[in-house]
């Protein structure tokens, strides 16, 4: 497994721990590296070289698992603090402000323009003007679906198998198997293993059985 080049100075380590810090030259250099990598990945993508684009991300993110895919328009603060499991998918324009670690599990589906925002700033205007910053990590467990335009704030863990509705602002931890909507996000109910989405013509048991048979025939 490739280990990306990552800063190891006192300020960078202080930042990822969540302590108050002021960004230094080492932080700025890492930001430039991930921005250059993002441009290179998108050049590959524009030429239809999707595998090469994902290879660039694997060279520069903390981790990008097998069969995971990031579509164009993604933006990272540092990149090396973003960790993604296997088989996850990110639609256009996702934002990863990873001053603290962003850990996303396997088979996570993320809609377009979803934002993962770990940074914090002081409420006191004097401290804010002095450029003090902080952060809190984000964890998204396996098999989560996050709808387009959702915002995930720092300090949040989203439990496995949960669904976050489009446009939801997640401000606190989400239990496993939860359906969350709204601003601020609220749990509206618990999902179970027999749950069917609101598209019965597509995802009913009968429809899925037909789809499985269709692909079984194709693969013979």
N, C-alpha and C. Protein backbone atom coordinates (compact mmCIF):
# COMPACT_ATOMS: atom_id res chain seq x y z
N UNK A 1 0.84 -1.19 0.00
CA UNK A 1 0.00 0.00 0.00
C UNK A 1 0.87 1.24 0.00
N UNK A 2 0.58 2.18 -0.88
CA UNK A 2 1.36 3.40 -0.97
C UNK A 2 1.10 4.30 0.23
N UNK A 3 2.18 4.87 0.77
CA UNK A 3 2.06 5.86 1.84
C UNK A 3 2.36 7.23 1.26
N UNK A 4 1.40 8.15 1.28
CA UNK A 4 1.63 9.46 0.66
C UNK A 4 2.65 10.28 1.43
N UNK A 5 3.31 11.18 0.71
CA UNK A 5 4.16 12.16 1.38
C UNK A 5 3.27 13.02 2.28
N UNK A 6 3.65 13.14 3.54
CA UNK A 6 2.81 13.92 4.44
C UNK A 6 3.70 14.71 5.39
N UNK A 7 3.26 15.90 5.77
CA UNK A 7 4.02 16.69 6.74
C UNK A 7 4.09 15.96 8.08
N UNK A 8 5.13 16.27 8.84
CA UNK A 8 5.26 15.65 10.17
C UNK A 8 5.76 16.66 11.19
N UNK A 9 5.56 17.95 10.91
CA UNK A 9 6.00 18.98 11.84
C UNK A 9 5.05 19.14 13.01
N UNK A 10 5.52 19.89 14.00
CA UNK A 10 4.72 20.08 15.22
C UNK A 10 3.37 20.73 14.92
N UNK A 11 3.35 21.71 14.02
CA UNK A 11 2.10 22.43 13.75
C UNK A 11 1.10 21.51 13.05
N UNK A 12 1.57 20.77 12.04
CA UNK A 12 0.66 19.87 11.32
C UNK A 12 0.10 18.81 12.25
N UNK A 13 0.95 18.23 13.09
CA UNK A 13 0.48 17.22 14.02
C UNK A 13 -0.47 17.81 15.06
N UNK A 14 -0.20 19.05 15.46
CA UNK A 14 -1.12 19.73 16.37
C UNK A 14 -2.48 19.92 15.70
N UNK A 15 -2.46 20.29 14.43
CA UNK A 15 -3.69 20.52 13.68
C UNK A 15 -4.54 19.25 13.64
N UNK A 16 -3.96 18.13 13.24
CA UNK A 16 -4.76 16.92 13.08
C UNK A 16 -5.24 16.36 14.42
N UNK A 17 -4.61 16.79 15.52
CA UNK A 17 -5.06 16.35 16.85
C UNK A 17 -6.29 17.10 17.31
N UNK A 18 -6.62 18.22 16.63
CA UNK A 18 -7.77 19.02 17.03
C UNK A 18 -7.43 20.17 17.95
N UNK A 19 -6.15 20.35 18.31
CA UNK A 19 -5.76 21.45 19.18
C UNK A 19 -5.76 22.76 18.40
N UNK A 20 -5.85 23.88 19.13
CA UNK A 20 -5.78 25.20 18.49
C UNK A 20 -4.41 25.36 17.83
N UNK A 21 -4.39 25.94 16.63
CA UNK A 21 -3.14 26.09 15.89
C UNK A 21 -3.26 27.26 14.93
N UNK A 22 -2.11 27.69 14.42
CA UNK A 22 -2.04 28.65 13.32
C UNK A 22 -1.31 27.97 12.17
N UNK A 23 -1.89 27.91 10.97
CA UNK A 23 -1.23 27.22 9.85
C UNK A 23 0.15 27.82 9.56
N UNK A 24 1.09 26.94 9.20
CA UNK A 24 2.44 27.40 8.89
C UNK A 24 2.79 27.04 7.45
N UNK A 25 4.06 27.24 7.09
CA UNK A 25 4.51 27.01 5.72
C UNK A 25 4.37 25.55 5.32
N UNK A 26 4.57 24.63 6.27
CA UNK A 26 4.43 23.21 5.96
C UNK A 26 2.98 22.87 5.60
N UNK A 27 2.03 23.47 6.31
CA UNK A 27 0.62 23.27 5.97
C UNK A 27 0.33 23.80 4.57
N UNK A 28 0.86 24.99 4.28
CA UNK A 28 0.63 25.60 2.97
C UNK A 28 1.22 24.75 1.85
N UNK A 29 2.40 24.17 2.09
CA UNK A 29 3.03 23.34 1.07
C UNK A 29 2.20 22.10 0.77
N UNK A 30 1.62 21.50 1.81
CA UNK A 30 0.78 20.33 1.58
C UNK A 30 -0.48 20.70 0.82
N UNK A 31 -1.06 21.85 1.11
CA UNK A 31 -2.22 22.32 0.36
C UNK A 31 -1.89 22.46 -1.12
N UNK A 32 -0.72 22.99 -1.43
CA UNK A 32 -0.31 23.14 -2.83
C UNK A 32 -0.14 21.77 -3.48
N UNK A 33 0.41 20.81 -2.75
CA UNK A 33 0.60 19.47 -3.32
C UNK A 33 -0.73 18.83 -3.70
N UNK A 34 -1.71 18.89 -2.80
CA UNK A 34 -2.98 18.23 -3.10
C UNK A 34 -3.73 18.98 -4.19
N UNK A 35 -3.59 20.30 -4.25
CA UNK A 35 -4.24 21.04 -5.33
C UNK A 35 -3.65 20.64 -6.68
N UNK A 36 -2.32 20.53 -6.75
CA UNK A 36 -1.68 20.11 -8.00
C UNK A 36 -2.10 18.69 -8.38
N UNK A 37 -2.21 17.81 -7.39
CA UNK A 37 -2.63 16.43 -7.66
C UNK A 37 -4.06 16.39 -8.18
N UNK A 38 -4.92 17.23 -7.63
CA UNK A 38 -6.31 17.27 -8.09
C UNK A 38 -6.40 17.71 -9.54
N UNK A 39 -5.60 18.71 -9.91
CA UNK A 39 -5.57 19.16 -11.31
C UNK A 39 -5.12 18.02 -12.21
N UNK A 40 -4.07 17.30 -11.81
CA UNK A 40 -3.57 16.18 -12.61
C UNK A 40 -4.63 15.09 -12.74
N UNK A 41 -5.30 14.76 -11.64
CA UNK A 41 -6.35 13.73 -11.69
C UNK A 41 -7.46 14.13 -12.65
N UNK A 42 -7.83 15.40 -12.63
CA UNK A 42 -8.92 15.84 -13.51
C UNK A 42 -8.49 15.89 -14.97
N UNK A 43 -7.21 16.14 -15.22
CA UNK A 43 -6.72 16.05 -16.60
C UNK A 43 -6.83 14.61 -17.11
N UNK A 44 -6.46 13.65 -16.28
CA UNK A 44 -6.64 12.24 -16.66
C UNK A 44 -8.11 11.94 -16.92
N UNK A 45 -8.97 12.41 -16.04
CA UNK A 45 -10.40 12.14 -16.17
C UNK A 45 -10.93 12.71 -17.48
N UNK A 46 -10.48 13.92 -17.83
CA UNK A 46 -10.96 14.56 -19.06
C UNK A 46 -10.55 13.79 -20.31
N UNK A 47 -9.46 13.02 -20.21
CA UNK A 47 -9.01 12.19 -21.34
C UNK A 47 -9.61 10.79 -21.29
N UNK A 48 -10.53 10.56 -20.37
CA UNK A 48 -11.14 9.25 -20.24
C UNK A 48 -10.29 8.23 -19.51
N UNK A 49 -9.25 8.71 -18.82
CA UNK A 49 -8.31 7.82 -18.12
C UNK A 49 -8.69 7.75 -16.64
N UNK A 50 -9.81 7.12 -16.36
CA UNK A 50 -10.32 7.12 -15.00
C UNK A 50 -9.42 6.35 -14.04
N UNK A 51 -8.86 5.24 -14.49
CA UNK A 51 -7.98 4.47 -13.62
C UNK A 51 -6.75 5.28 -13.22
N UNK A 52 -6.20 6.04 -14.19
CA UNK A 52 -5.05 6.87 -13.86
C UNK A 52 -5.42 7.99 -12.90
N UNK A 53 -6.62 8.54 -13.07
CA UNK A 53 -7.07 9.58 -12.14
C UNK A 53 -7.14 9.04 -10.72
N UNK A 54 -7.69 7.84 -10.54
CA UNK A 54 -7.78 7.26 -9.20
C UNK A 54 -6.40 6.91 -8.66
N UNK A 55 -5.47 6.54 -9.56
CA UNK A 55 -4.10 6.27 -9.12
C UNK A 55 -3.48 7.53 -8.53
N UNK A 56 -3.72 8.68 -9.15
CA UNK A 56 -3.20 9.94 -8.60
C UNK A 56 -3.74 10.17 -7.20
N UNK A 57 -5.04 9.96 -7.02
CA UNK A 57 -5.61 10.15 -5.69
C UNK A 57 -5.02 9.15 -4.69
N UNK A 58 -4.78 7.91 -5.13
CA UNK A 58 -4.19 6.93 -4.21
C UNK A 58 -2.78 7.32 -3.80
N UNK A 59 -2.09 8.08 -4.65
CA UNK A 59 -0.75 8.54 -4.33
C UNK A 59 -0.76 9.70 -3.34
N UNK A 60 -1.89 10.38 -3.19
CA UNK A 60 -1.90 11.63 -2.43
C UNK A 60 -2.88 11.69 -1.28
N UNK A 61 -3.88 10.82 -1.26
CA UNK A 61 -4.80 10.78 -0.12
C UNK A 61 -4.23 9.88 0.98
N UNK A 62 -4.79 10.04 2.19
CA UNK A 62 -4.38 9.14 3.26
C UNK A 62 -4.60 7.69 2.87
N UNK A 63 -5.76 7.43 2.25
CA UNK A 63 -6.06 6.10 1.71
C UNK A 63 -7.26 6.21 0.79
N UNK A 64 -7.21 5.54 -0.34
CA UNK A 64 -8.35 5.37 -1.23
C UNK A 64 -8.43 3.89 -1.57
N UNK A 65 -9.49 3.22 -1.11
CA UNK A 65 -9.60 1.78 -1.24
C UNK A 65 -9.84 1.31 -2.66
N UNK A 66 -9.76 0.01 -2.82
CA UNK A 66 -9.99 -0.62 -4.12
C UNK A 66 -11.42 -0.38 -4.58
N UNK A 67 -11.55 -0.10 -5.88
CA UNK A 67 -12.85 0.08 -6.53
C UNK A 67 -13.61 1.31 -6.02
N UNK A 68 -12.95 2.18 -5.29
CA UNK A 68 -13.58 3.46 -4.92
C UNK A 68 -13.34 4.46 -6.03
N UNK A 69 -14.27 5.42 -6.16
CA UNK A 69 -14.23 6.33 -7.30
C UNK A 69 -14.64 7.73 -6.88
N UNK A 70 -13.86 8.71 -7.31
CA UNK A 70 -14.13 10.12 -7.03
C UNK A 70 -14.31 10.83 -8.36
N UNK A 71 -15.49 11.36 -8.61
CA UNK A 71 -15.75 12.06 -9.87
C UNK A 71 -15.17 13.47 -9.82
N UNK A 72 -15.05 14.15 -10.97
CA UNK A 72 -14.39 15.46 -11.02
C UNK A 72 -15.07 16.50 -10.14
N UNK A 73 -14.27 17.52 -9.81
CA UNK A 73 -14.75 18.63 -9.00
C UNK A 73 -14.48 18.49 -7.53
N UNK A 74 -13.86 17.38 -7.11
CA UNK A 74 -13.54 17.20 -5.69
C UNK A 74 -12.47 18.20 -5.27
N UNK A 75 -12.55 18.64 -4.01
CA UNK A 75 -11.57 19.57 -3.46
C UNK A 75 -11.17 19.10 -2.07
N UNK A 76 -9.87 19.17 -1.80
CA UNK A 76 -9.31 18.74 -0.52
C UNK A 76 -8.49 19.87 0.09
N UNK A 77 -8.54 19.98 1.42
CA UNK A 77 -7.65 20.90 2.11
C UNK A 77 -6.22 20.36 2.11
N UNK A 78 -6.06 19.12 2.57
CA UNK A 78 -4.74 18.51 2.68
C UNK A 78 -4.66 17.14 2.01
N UNK A 79 -5.75 16.43 1.90
CA UNK A 79 -5.75 15.14 1.21
C UNK A 79 -5.23 14.01 2.05
N UNK A 80 -4.07 14.19 2.66
CA UNK A 80 -3.44 13.11 3.43
C UNK A 80 -4.23 12.76 4.68
N UNK A 81 -5.18 13.61 5.06
CA UNK A 81 -6.01 13.32 6.24
C UNK A 81 -7.38 12.76 5.85
N UNK A 82 -7.54 12.37 4.59
CA UNK A 82 -8.79 11.77 4.12
C UNK A 82 -8.55 10.29 3.83
N UNK A 83 -9.36 9.44 4.44
CA UNK A 83 -9.21 7.98 4.35
C UNK A 83 -10.54 7.38 3.89
N UNK A 84 -10.51 6.66 2.77
CA UNK A 84 -11.72 6.13 2.14
C UNK A 84 -11.56 4.62 1.95
N UNK A 85 -12.57 3.86 2.33
CA UNK A 85 -12.53 2.41 2.21
C UNK A 85 -12.79 1.92 0.79
N UNK A 86 -13.11 0.64 0.67
CA UNK A 86 -13.29 0.00 -0.63
C UNK A 86 -14.70 0.22 -1.17
N UNK A 87 -14.78 0.36 -2.49
CA UNK A 87 -16.07 0.36 -3.17
C UNK A 87 -16.96 1.54 -2.86
N UNK A 88 -16.38 2.66 -2.48
CA UNK A 88 -17.18 3.86 -2.20
C UNK A 88 -17.18 4.78 -3.42
N UNK A 89 -18.22 5.60 -3.52
CA UNK A 89 -18.43 6.42 -4.72
C UNK A 89 -18.78 7.85 -4.30
N UNK A 90 -18.13 8.81 -4.97
CA UNK A 90 -18.34 10.23 -4.69
C UNK A 90 -18.69 10.94 -5.99
N UNK A 91 -19.88 11.51 -6.05
CA UNK A 91 -20.32 12.19 -7.25
C UNK A 91 -19.63 13.55 -7.37
N UNK A 92 -20.00 14.31 -8.39
CA UNK A 92 -19.29 15.55 -8.73
C UNK A 92 -19.26 16.55 -7.57
N UNK A 93 -18.11 17.22 -7.42
CA UNK A 93 -18.03 18.42 -6.60
C UNK A 93 -18.01 18.23 -5.11
N UNK A 94 -17.56 17.09 -4.62
CA UNK A 94 -17.50 16.91 -3.17
C UNK A 94 -16.31 17.66 -2.57
N UNK A 95 -16.48 18.12 -1.33
CA UNK A 95 -15.47 18.93 -0.64
C UNK A 95 -15.04 18.21 0.63
N UNK A 96 -13.72 18.09 0.81
CA UNK A 96 -13.15 17.43 1.98
C UNK A 96 -12.19 18.40 2.67
N UNK A 97 -12.67 19.15 3.65
CA UNK A 97 -11.81 20.05 4.40
C UNK A 97 -11.25 19.27 5.58
N UNK A 98 -10.09 18.65 5.34
CA UNK A 98 -9.57 17.63 6.26
C UNK A 98 -8.42 18.15 7.12
N UNK A 99 -8.67 19.22 7.88
CA UNK A 99 -7.66 19.63 8.85
C UNK A 99 -7.54 18.58 9.95
N UNK A 100 -8.63 17.90 10.26
CA UNK A 100 -8.64 16.71 11.10
C UNK A 100 -9.05 15.53 10.22
N UNK A 101 -8.79 14.31 10.66
CA UNK A 101 -9.06 13.16 9.80
C UNK A 101 -10.53 13.04 9.41
N UNK A 102 -10.74 12.72 8.13
CA UNK A 102 -12.04 12.32 7.60
C UNK A 102 -11.91 10.84 7.24
N UNK A 103 -12.66 10.00 7.92
CA UNK A 103 -12.58 8.56 7.71
C UNK A 103 -13.93 8.06 7.19
N UNK A 104 -13.92 7.56 5.97
CA UNK A 104 -15.13 7.12 5.29
C UNK A 104 -14.97 5.64 4.98
N UNK A 105 -15.98 4.86 5.31
CA UNK A 105 -15.89 3.42 5.21
C UNK A 105 -16.05 2.88 3.80
N UNK A 106 -16.41 1.63 3.72
CA UNK A 106 -16.57 0.93 2.44
C UNK A 106 -18.03 0.96 1.99
N UNK A 107 -18.22 0.87 0.68
CA UNK A 107 -19.53 0.91 0.01
C UNK A 107 -20.38 2.07 0.53
N UNK A 108 -19.75 3.23 0.62
CA UNK A 108 -20.44 4.47 0.96
C UNK A 108 -20.76 5.20 -0.34
N UNK A 109 -21.99 5.63 -0.52
CA UNK A 109 -22.42 6.37 -1.70
C UNK A 109 -22.66 7.82 -1.32
N UNK A 110 -22.00 8.74 -2.03
CA UNK A 110 -22.05 10.16 -1.69
C UNK A 110 -22.49 10.95 -2.91
N UNK A 111 -23.55 11.72 -2.77
CA UNK A 111 -24.10 12.51 -3.87
C UNK A 111 -23.24 13.71 -4.21
N UNK A 112 -23.67 14.45 -5.23
CA UNK A 112 -22.89 15.60 -5.68
C UNK A 112 -22.91 16.73 -4.64
N UNK A 113 -21.79 17.46 -4.59
CA UNK A 113 -21.66 18.67 -3.77
C UNK A 113 -21.85 18.43 -2.28
N UNK A 114 -21.56 17.23 -1.83
CA UNK A 114 -21.56 16.97 -0.38
C UNK A 114 -20.27 17.55 0.21
N UNK A 115 -20.38 18.14 1.40
CA UNK A 115 -19.24 18.77 2.05
C UNK A 115 -18.95 18.09 3.39
N UNK A 116 -17.68 17.75 3.59
CA UNK A 116 -17.19 17.21 4.86
C UNK A 116 -16.31 18.29 5.48
N UNK A 117 -16.76 18.91 6.55
CA UNK A 117 -16.14 20.14 7.06
C UNK A 117 -15.61 19.92 8.48
N UNK A 118 -14.32 19.60 8.60
CA UNK A 118 -13.75 19.41 9.94
C UNK A 118 -13.29 20.70 10.61
N UNK A 119 -12.98 21.81 9.90
CA UNK A 119 -12.40 22.98 10.59
C UNK A 119 -13.40 23.68 11.51
N UNK A 120 -12.83 24.30 12.55
CA UNK A 120 -13.58 25.20 13.41
C UNK A 120 -12.80 26.50 13.56
N UNK A 121 -13.51 27.56 13.94
CA UNK A 121 -12.89 28.86 14.20
C UNK A 121 -13.45 29.43 15.49
N UNK A 122 -12.71 30.31 16.17
CA UNK A 122 -13.20 30.87 17.43
C UNK A 122 -14.44 31.74 17.22
N UNK A 123 -15.34 31.73 18.18
CA UNK A 123 -16.45 32.67 18.16
C UNK A 123 -15.99 34.07 18.53
N UNK A 124 -14.93 34.16 19.33
CA UNK A 124 -14.38 35.46 19.72
C UNK A 124 -13.72 36.12 18.52
N UNK A 125 -14.16 37.33 18.11
CA UNK A 125 -13.63 37.93 16.89
C UNK A 125 -12.15 38.29 16.98
N UNK A 126 -11.65 38.58 18.18
CA UNK A 126 -10.22 38.91 18.32
C UNK A 126 -9.37 37.68 18.03
N UNK A 127 -9.75 36.55 18.62
CA UNK A 127 -9.01 35.31 18.37
C UNK A 127 -9.14 34.88 16.91
N UNK A 128 -10.32 35.08 16.35
CA UNK A 128 -10.53 34.71 14.95
C UNK A 128 -9.66 35.56 14.03
N UNK A 129 -9.56 36.86 14.31
CA UNK A 129 -8.74 37.75 13.49
C UNK A 129 -7.26 37.43 13.62
N UNK A 130 -6.88 36.76 14.71
CA UNK A 130 -5.48 36.36 14.90
C UNK A 130 -5.17 35.04 14.18
N UNK A 131 -6.16 34.49 13.47
CA UNK A 131 -6.00 33.29 12.64
C UNK A 131 -5.84 31.99 13.44
N UNK A 132 -6.38 31.98 14.68
CA UNK A 132 -6.45 30.70 15.37
C UNK A 132 -7.48 29.81 14.68
N UNK A 133 -7.15 28.55 14.57
CA UNK A 133 -8.06 27.56 13.99
C UNK A 133 -8.05 26.30 14.84
N UNK A 134 -9.00 25.44 14.57
CA UNK A 134 -9.06 24.14 15.21
C UNK A 134 -9.82 23.18 14.31
N UNK A 135 -10.17 22.04 14.84
CA UNK A 135 -10.93 21.09 14.03
C UNK A 135 -11.40 19.91 14.85
N UNK A 136 -12.34 19.18 14.28
CA UNK A 136 -12.84 17.94 14.88
C UNK A 136 -13.02 16.92 13.76
N UNK A 137 -12.69 15.65 14.00
CA UNK A 137 -12.74 14.64 12.94
C UNK A 137 -14.16 14.25 12.55
N UNK A 138 -14.26 13.62 11.38
CA UNK A 138 -15.52 13.08 10.86
C UNK A 138 -15.31 11.60 10.57
N UNK A 139 -16.28 10.79 10.95
CA UNK A 139 -16.27 9.36 10.62
C UNK A 139 -17.60 8.98 9.97
N UNK A 140 -17.52 8.32 8.82
CA UNK A 140 -18.69 7.78 8.14
C UNK A 140 -18.47 6.27 8.04
N UNK A 141 -19.32 5.49 8.67
CA UNK A 141 -19.14 4.05 8.68
C UNK A 141 -19.65 3.40 7.39
N UNK A 142 -19.51 2.09 7.29
CA UNK A 142 -19.80 1.35 6.05
C UNK A 142 -21.27 1.46 5.65
N UNK A 143 -21.48 1.39 4.34
CA UNK A 143 -22.82 1.23 3.75
C UNK A 143 -23.75 2.42 4.00
N UNK A 144 -23.17 3.60 4.09
CA UNK A 144 -23.97 4.82 4.27
C UNK A 144 -24.25 5.44 2.91
N UNK A 145 -25.42 6.02 2.76
CA UNK A 145 -25.80 6.79 1.55
C UNK A 145 -26.04 8.23 1.99
N UNK A 146 -25.30 9.17 1.37
CA UNK A 146 -25.43 10.59 1.69
C UNK A 146 -25.94 11.31 0.44
N UNK A 147 -27.11 11.92 0.54
CA UNK A 147 -27.72 12.59 -0.61
C UNK A 147 -27.01 13.88 -0.99
N UNK A 148 -27.24 14.31 -2.22
CA UNK A 148 -26.58 15.49 -2.77
C UNK A 148 -26.79 16.74 -1.92
N UNK A 149 -25.71 17.54 -1.80
CA UNK A 149 -25.79 18.81 -1.11
C UNK A 149 -25.79 18.73 0.39
N UNK A 150 -25.64 17.55 0.96
CA UNK A 150 -25.58 17.43 2.42
C UNK A 150 -24.28 18.03 2.94
N UNK A 151 -24.31 18.48 4.19
CA UNK A 151 -23.14 19.03 4.86
C UNK A 151 -22.91 18.24 6.14
N UNK A 152 -21.69 17.70 6.29
CA UNK A 152 -21.33 16.91 7.46
C UNK A 152 -20.32 17.74 8.26
N UNK A 153 -20.68 18.13 9.47
CA UNK A 153 -19.81 18.98 10.29
C UNK A 153 -18.84 18.14 11.11
N UNK A 154 -17.77 18.79 11.55
CA UNK A 154 -16.76 18.13 12.36
C UNK A 154 -17.31 17.61 13.67
N UNK A 155 -16.68 16.55 14.18
CA UNK A 155 -17.10 15.94 15.42
C UNK A 155 -18.20 14.93 15.28
N UNK A 156 -18.60 14.63 14.04
CA UNK A 156 -19.75 13.76 13.77
C UNK A 156 -19.30 12.36 13.37
N UNK A 157 -20.00 11.35 13.87
CA UNK A 157 -19.89 9.98 13.37
C UNK A 157 -21.25 9.56 12.83
N UNK A 158 -21.27 9.07 11.60
CA UNK A 158 -22.50 8.55 10.99
C UNK A 158 -22.42 7.03 11.01
N UNK A 159 -23.35 6.40 11.72
CA UNK A 159 -23.33 4.96 11.89
C UNK A 159 -23.64 4.20 10.62
N UNK A 160 -23.21 2.96 10.56
CA UNK A 160 -23.32 2.14 9.35
C UNK A 160 -24.78 1.98 8.93
N UNK A 161 -24.94 1.83 7.62
CA UNK A 161 -26.24 1.55 6.98
C UNK A 161 -27.21 2.72 7.04
N UNK A 162 -26.76 3.90 7.45
CA UNK A 162 -27.66 5.04 7.56
C UNK A 162 -27.83 5.74 6.23
N UNK A 163 -28.90 6.52 6.11
CA UNK A 163 -29.20 7.32 4.92
C UNK A 163 -29.36 8.76 5.36
N UNK A 164 -28.61 9.66 4.70
CA UNK A 164 -28.68 11.09 4.97
C UNK A 164 -29.36 11.75 3.78
N UNK A 165 -30.50 12.39 4.01
CA UNK A 165 -31.26 12.98 2.92
C UNK A 165 -30.54 14.13 2.25
N UNK A 166 -30.89 14.40 1.00
CA UNK A 166 -30.29 15.50 0.24
C UNK A 166 -30.48 16.81 0.99
N UNK A 167 -29.41 17.61 1.06
CA UNK A 167 -29.47 18.92 1.68
C UNK A 167 -29.44 18.92 3.19
N UNK A 168 -29.31 17.78 3.82
CA UNK A 168 -29.29 17.70 5.28
C UNK A 168 -27.98 18.27 5.83
N UNK A 169 -28.06 18.95 6.98
CA UNK A 169 -26.88 19.42 7.70
C UNK A 169 -26.74 18.55 8.95
N UNK A 170 -25.71 17.73 8.97
CA UNK A 170 -25.51 16.78 10.07
C UNK A 170 -24.61 17.43 11.11
N UNK A 171 -25.17 17.70 12.29
CA UNK A 171 -24.47 18.42 13.34
C UNK A 171 -24.12 17.56 14.54
N UNK A 172 -24.64 16.33 14.59
CA UNK A 172 -24.37 15.45 15.73
C UNK A 172 -24.35 14.01 15.24
N UNK A 173 -23.89 13.12 16.11
CA UNK A 173 -23.75 11.71 15.74
C UNK A 173 -25.08 11.11 15.28
N UNK A 174 -24.96 10.20 14.32
CA UNK A 174 -26.12 9.50 13.76
C UNK A 174 -26.02 8.02 14.14
N UNK A 175 -27.01 7.45 14.81
CA UNK A 175 -26.96 6.02 15.13
C UNK A 175 -26.99 5.16 13.87
N UNK A 176 -26.56 3.93 13.99
CA UNK A 176 -26.64 2.99 12.88
C UNK A 176 -28.08 2.86 12.38
N UNK A 177 -28.21 2.61 11.07
CA UNK A 177 -29.52 2.28 10.47
C UNK A 177 -30.54 3.40 10.62
N UNK A 178 -30.07 4.65 10.53
CA UNK A 178 -30.98 5.79 10.71
C UNK A 178 -31.24 6.50 9.39
N UNK A 179 -32.45 7.04 9.25
CA UNK A 179 -32.79 7.95 8.17
C UNK A 179 -32.81 9.35 8.76
N UNK A 180 -31.96 10.25 8.22
CA UNK A 180 -31.78 11.59 8.77
C UNK A 180 -32.07 12.62 7.70
N UNK A 181 -32.88 13.63 8.03
CA UNK A 181 -33.19 14.72 7.10
C UNK A 181 -33.23 16.03 7.86
N UNK A 182 -33.13 17.14 7.10
CA UNK A 182 -33.39 18.45 7.67
C UNK A 182 -32.15 19.24 8.04
N UNK A 183 -32.40 20.48 8.52
CA UNK A 183 -31.35 21.40 8.97
C UNK A 183 -31.82 22.06 10.26
N UNK A 184 -31.23 21.65 11.40
CA UNK A 184 -30.23 20.59 11.54
C UNK A 184 -30.83 19.20 11.33
N UNK A 185 -29.97 18.26 10.96
CA UNK A 185 -30.45 16.91 10.68
C UNK A 185 -31.08 16.26 11.89
N UNK A 186 -32.14 15.53 11.67
CA UNK A 186 -32.82 14.81 12.75
C UNK A 186 -33.15 13.40 12.26
N UNK A 187 -33.11 12.46 13.17
CA UNK A 187 -33.47 11.08 12.84
C UNK A 187 -34.99 10.99 12.76
N UNK A 188 -35.50 10.60 11.59
CA UNK A 188 -36.95 10.48 11.43
C UNK A 188 -37.43 9.06 11.64
N UNK A 189 -36.55 8.08 11.43
CA UNK A 189 -36.92 6.71 11.76
C UNK A 189 -35.70 5.81 11.61
N UNK A 190 -35.87 4.60 12.11
CA UNK A 190 -34.83 3.59 12.01
C UNK A 190 -35.14 2.69 10.82
N UNK A 191 -34.10 2.41 10.03
CA UNK A 191 -34.25 1.54 8.86
C UNK A 191 -33.99 0.09 9.27
N UNK A 192 -34.62 -0.84 8.57
CA UNK A 192 -34.34 -2.25 8.83
C UNK A 192 -33.87 -2.93 7.56
N UNK A 193 -33.42 -4.17 7.70
CA UNK A 193 -32.78 -4.86 6.57
C UNK A 193 -33.75 -5.14 5.43
N UNK A 194 -35.04 -5.07 5.67
CA UNK A 194 -36.02 -5.30 4.62
C UNK A 194 -36.55 -3.99 4.02
N UNK A 195 -35.87 -2.88 4.36
CA UNK A 195 -36.31 -1.56 3.92
C UNK A 195 -36.30 -1.48 2.39
N UNK A 196 -37.31 -0.82 1.82
CA UNK A 196 -37.34 -0.55 0.39
C UNK A 196 -37.44 0.95 0.19
N UNK A 197 -36.58 1.53 -0.68
CA UNK A 197 -36.65 2.97 -0.92
C UNK A 197 -37.99 3.38 -1.52
N UNK A 198 -38.18 4.66 -1.66
CA UNK A 198 -39.46 5.21 -2.13
C UNK A 198 -39.60 5.11 -3.65
N UNK A 199 -39.10 4.02 -4.23
CA UNK A 199 -39.22 3.78 -5.67
C UNK A 199 -39.63 2.33 -5.86
N UNK A 200 -40.84 1.95 -5.43
CA UNK A 200 -41.21 0.52 -5.42
C UNK A 200 -41.17 -0.11 -6.79
N UNK A 201 -41.40 0.69 -7.85
CA UNK A 201 -41.36 0.11 -9.20
C UNK A 201 -39.95 -0.33 -9.57
N UNK A 202 -38.94 0.23 -8.92
CA UNK A 202 -37.55 -0.12 -9.21
C UNK A 202 -36.98 -1.09 -8.19
N UNK A 203 -37.30 -0.91 -6.92
CA UNK A 203 -36.61 -1.63 -5.85
C UNK A 203 -37.49 -2.58 -5.06
N UNK A 204 -38.65 -2.90 -5.56
CA UNK A 204 -39.45 -3.93 -4.88
C UNK A 204 -38.71 -5.26 -4.96
N UNK A 205 -39.11 -6.19 -4.09
CA UNK A 205 -38.48 -7.51 -4.11
C UNK A 205 -38.61 -8.16 -5.48
N UNK A 206 -39.78 -7.99 -6.10
CA UNK A 206 -40.01 -8.58 -7.42
C UNK A 206 -39.12 -7.92 -8.48
N UNK A 207 -39.01 -6.59 -8.40
CA UNK A 207 -38.20 -5.88 -9.39
C UNK A 207 -36.73 -6.25 -9.28
N UNK A 208 -36.24 -6.38 -8.06
CA UNK A 208 -34.84 -6.74 -7.88
C UNK A 208 -34.58 -8.19 -8.31
N UNK A 209 -35.53 -9.06 -8.08
CA UNK A 209 -35.38 -10.44 -8.53
C UNK A 209 -35.31 -10.49 -10.05
N UNK A 210 -36.13 -9.69 -10.72
CA UNK A 210 -36.08 -9.61 -12.18
C UNK A 210 -34.73 -9.09 -12.64
N UNK A 211 -34.21 -8.08 -11.94
CA UNK A 211 -32.91 -7.51 -12.31
C UNK A 211 -31.79 -8.53 -12.14
N UNK A 212 -31.82 -9.27 -11.05
CA UNK A 212 -30.80 -10.30 -10.83
C UNK A 212 -30.85 -11.37 -11.93
N UNK A 213 -32.06 -11.76 -12.31
CA UNK A 213 -32.20 -12.75 -13.38
C UNK A 213 -31.67 -12.21 -14.70
N UNK A 214 -31.93 -10.92 -14.97
CA UNK A 214 -31.44 -10.28 -16.18
C UNK A 214 -29.92 -10.37 -16.27
N UNK A 215 -29.24 -10.02 -15.17
CA UNK A 215 -27.78 -10.04 -15.19
C UNK A 215 -27.23 -11.46 -15.17
N UNK A 216 -27.94 -12.37 -14.53
CA UNK A 216 -27.49 -13.76 -14.56
C UNK A 216 -27.49 -14.30 -15.98
N UNK A 217 -28.52 -13.96 -16.76
CA UNK A 217 -28.58 -14.38 -18.16
C UNK A 217 -27.45 -13.77 -18.96
N UNK A 218 -27.14 -12.51 -18.71
CA UNK A 218 -26.07 -11.83 -19.46
C UNK A 218 -24.71 -12.44 -19.17
N UNK A 219 -24.52 -12.96 -17.96
CA UNK A 219 -23.21 -13.45 -17.55
C UNK A 219 -23.00 -14.94 -17.84
N UNK A 220 -23.97 -15.57 -18.47
CA UNK A 220 -23.82 -17.00 -18.79
C UNK A 220 -22.85 -17.20 -19.95
